[in-house]
Amino acid sequence: MEDIRLSLETPGRLSIRGDEWRTKQVIMNLVGNAVKFTDSGKVEIKAARGDGVVEVSVRDTGIGIAREDMKALFNAFGRIRAKGMPIKEGTGLGLYLSQKIADLLGGSIRAESVLGKGSEFTFTLPLEYKGGA
């Protein structure tokens, strides 16, 4: 394993009124996956404020995901195996649960990836959660 550069970019101070524990859980899962699937290169975390929302994106230069595997990405126990790559530890529940949490918080998660080049996951949630989770 080589070095991984980790960077964080935020627009100064950014506050969210919501479920702190669940928000951290989603972000930690996305960052953890990026580090797990990036043997060398970089992992970039960016937070940006939009119209009543915050977007946290995690981009990596890891192994990436084949287009045909993208549809199974958020399925329970949906582990994706890339040919020629060692199997990584995990249950296949992290992205599934992260998407459920994002939905519960009134937000969403989307993913973009190119096999062999890396992935970007974006977690969007309202600046103020008004639900009853």
Protein backbone atom coordinates (compact mmCIF):
# COMPACT_ATOMS: atom_id res chain seq x y z
CA MET A 1 0.00 0.00 0.00
CA GLU A 2 1.27 3.45 -0.92
CA ASP A 3 0.43 6.83 0.58
CA ILE A 4 -3.03 8.32 0.40
CA ARG A 5 -3.45 12.08 0.54
CA LEU A 6 -6.53 13.19 2.45
CA SER A 7 -7.90 16.71 1.99
CA LEU A 8 -10.85 18.60 3.45
CA GLU A 9 -12.45 21.69 1.95
CA THR A 10 -15.25 23.61 3.67
CA PRO A 11 -16.69 27.09 3.20
CA GLY A 12 -15.54 28.27 6.63
CA ARG A 13 -17.90 27.44 9.47
CA LEU A 14 -20.86 25.29 8.44
CA SER A 15 -23.60 24.38 10.92
CA ILE A 16 -26.36 21.83 10.43
CA ARG A 17 -29.34 21.50 12.76
CA GLY A 18 -30.20 17.83 12.76
CA ASP A 19 -29.29 14.39 13.99
CA GLU A 20 -25.57 14.68 14.67
CA TRP A 21 -24.95 10.99 15.31
CA ARG A 22 -26.65 9.80 12.11
CA THR A 23 -25.04 12.53 10.01
CA LYS A 24 -21.59 11.53 11.31
CA GLN A 25 -22.39 7.87 10.64
CA VAL A 26 -23.07 8.53 6.95
CA ILE A 27 -20.01 10.75 6.47
CA MET A 28 -17.74 8.29 8.27
CA ASN A 29 -19.03 5.43 6.11
CA LEU A 30 -18.41 7.36 2.88
CA VAL A 31 -14.90 8.41 3.97
CA GLY A 32 -14.14 4.91 5.28
CA ASN A 33 -15.15 3.34 1.95
CA ALA A 34 -13.05 5.85 0.01
CA VAL A 35 -9.97 5.05 2.08
CA LYS A 36 -10.65 1.30 1.95
CA PHE A 37 -10.85 1.23 -1.86
CA THR A 38 -7.96 3.65 -2.53
CA ASP A 39 -4.53 2.04 -2.26
CA SER A 40 -2.72 5.15 -3.48
CA GLY A 41 -3.71 8.59 -4.65
CA LYS A 42 -6.12 10.85 -2.84
CA VAL A 43 -9.39 11.15 -0.99
CA GLU A 44 -11.02 14.58 -1.08
CA ILE A 45 -13.84 15.61 1.24
CA LYS A 46 -15.75 18.79 0.39
CA ALA A 47 -18.67 20.43 2.11
CA ALA A 48 -20.67 23.15 0.39
CA ARG A 49 -23.77 25.07 1.32
CA GLY A 50 -26.58 25.31 -1.21
CA ASP A 51 -30.13 26.65 -1.15
CA GLY A 52 -31.29 25.29 2.22
CA VAL A 53 -29.04 22.22 1.96
CA VAL A 54 -25.51 21.12 2.58
CA GLU A 55 -23.65 18.77 0.26
CA VAL A 56 -20.78 16.65 1.51
CA SER A 57 -18.90 14.95 -1.29
CA VAL A 58 -16.22 12.31 -0.94
CA ARG A 59 -14.09 11.76 -4.05
CA ASP A 60 -11.34 9.19 -4.37
CA THR A 61 -8.85 7.93 -6.94
CA GLY A 62 -9.50 4.32 -5.97
CA ILE A 63 -10.51 1.27 -7.94
CA GLY A 64 -13.84 2.69 -9.10
CA ILE A 65 -17.03 0.80 -9.89
CA ALA A 66 -18.11 -0.67 -13.22
CA ARG A 67 -21.21 0.93 -14.75
CA GLU A 68 -23.13 -2.36 -14.60
CA ASP A 69 -22.45 -2.66 -10.85
CA MET A 70 -23.75 0.81 -9.98
CA LYS A 71 -27.38 -0.37 -9.76
CA ALA A 72 -26.52 -2.76 -6.90
CA LEU A 73 -24.49 -0.23 -4.95
CA PHE A 74 -27.15 0.67 -2.36
CA ASN A 75 -28.68 -2.82 -2.00
CA ALA A 76 -28.51 -4.65 1.33
CA PHE A 77 -25.54 -7.04 1.34
CA GLY A 78 -24.61 -5.67 -2.11
CA ARG A 79 -20.89 -6.35 -2.21
CA ILE A 80 -19.25 -5.57 -5.53
CA ARG A 81 -16.22 -7.57 -6.55
CA ALA A 82 -13.85 -6.12 -9.10
CA LYS A 83 -12.02 -8.65 -11.24
CA GLY A 84 -8.36 -8.97 -10.39
CA MET A 85 -8.74 -7.07 -7.12
CA PRO A 86 -8.52 -8.59 -3.64
CA ILE A 87 -11.81 -8.87 -1.76
CA LYS A 88 -12.16 -6.09 0.81
CA GLU A 89 -13.65 -6.68 4.25
CA GLY A 90 -17.22 -5.56 4.89
CA THR A 91 -20.80 -6.69 5.18
CA GLY A 92 -22.29 -4.88 2.21
CA LEU A 93 -24.57 -2.89 4.53
CA GLY A 94 -22.74 0.45 4.82
CA LEU A 95 -24.11 2.18 1.72
CA TYR A 96 -27.53 0.58 2.16
CA LEU A 97 -27.81 1.93 5.72
CA SER A 98 -26.31 5.29 4.74
CA GLN A 99 -28.97 5.73 2.07
CA LYS A 100 -31.72 4.81 4.56
CA ILE A 101 -30.35 7.35 7.04
CA ALA A 102 -30.09 10.04 4.35
CA ASP A 103 -33.74 9.41 3.39
CA LEU A 104 -34.77 9.56 7.05
CA LEU A 105 -33.03 12.92 7.44
CA GLY A 106 -34.73 14.34 4.34
CA GLY A 107 -31.60 14.08 2.21
CA SER A 108 -30.09 11.80 -0.40
CA ILE A 109 -26.93 10.07 -1.57
CA ARG A 110 -25.78 9.80 -5.15
CA ALA A 111 -22.77 8.11 -6.65
CA GLU A 112 -20.66 8.53 -9.76
CA SER A 113 -17.77 6.27 -10.67
CA VAL A 114 -15.43 5.20 -13.42
CA LEU A 115 -13.83 1.78 -13.15
CA GLY A 116 -10.10 2.13 -12.56
CA LYS A 117 -10.30 5.90 -11.96
CA GLY A 118 -12.25 6.40 -8.74
CA SER A 119 -15.61 7.35 -7.31
CA GLU A 120 -17.50 10.31 -5.90
CA PHE A 121 -20.32 10.00 -3.39
CA THR A 122 -22.40 13.05 -2.50
CA PHE A 123 -24.52 13.21 0.64
CA THR A 124 -27.09 16.01 0.59
CA LEU A 125 -29.22 16.98 3.57
CA PRO A 126 -31.27 19.96 4.69
CA LEU A 127 -29.52 22.55 6.82
CA GLU A 128 -32.30 22.10 9.34
CA TYR A 129 -33.98 18.75 9.89
CA LYS A 130 -37.69 19.08 10.60
CA GLY A 131 -38.67 15.39 10.80
CA GLY A 132 -39.19 13.09 13.72
CA ALA A 133 -36.36 10.55 13.48
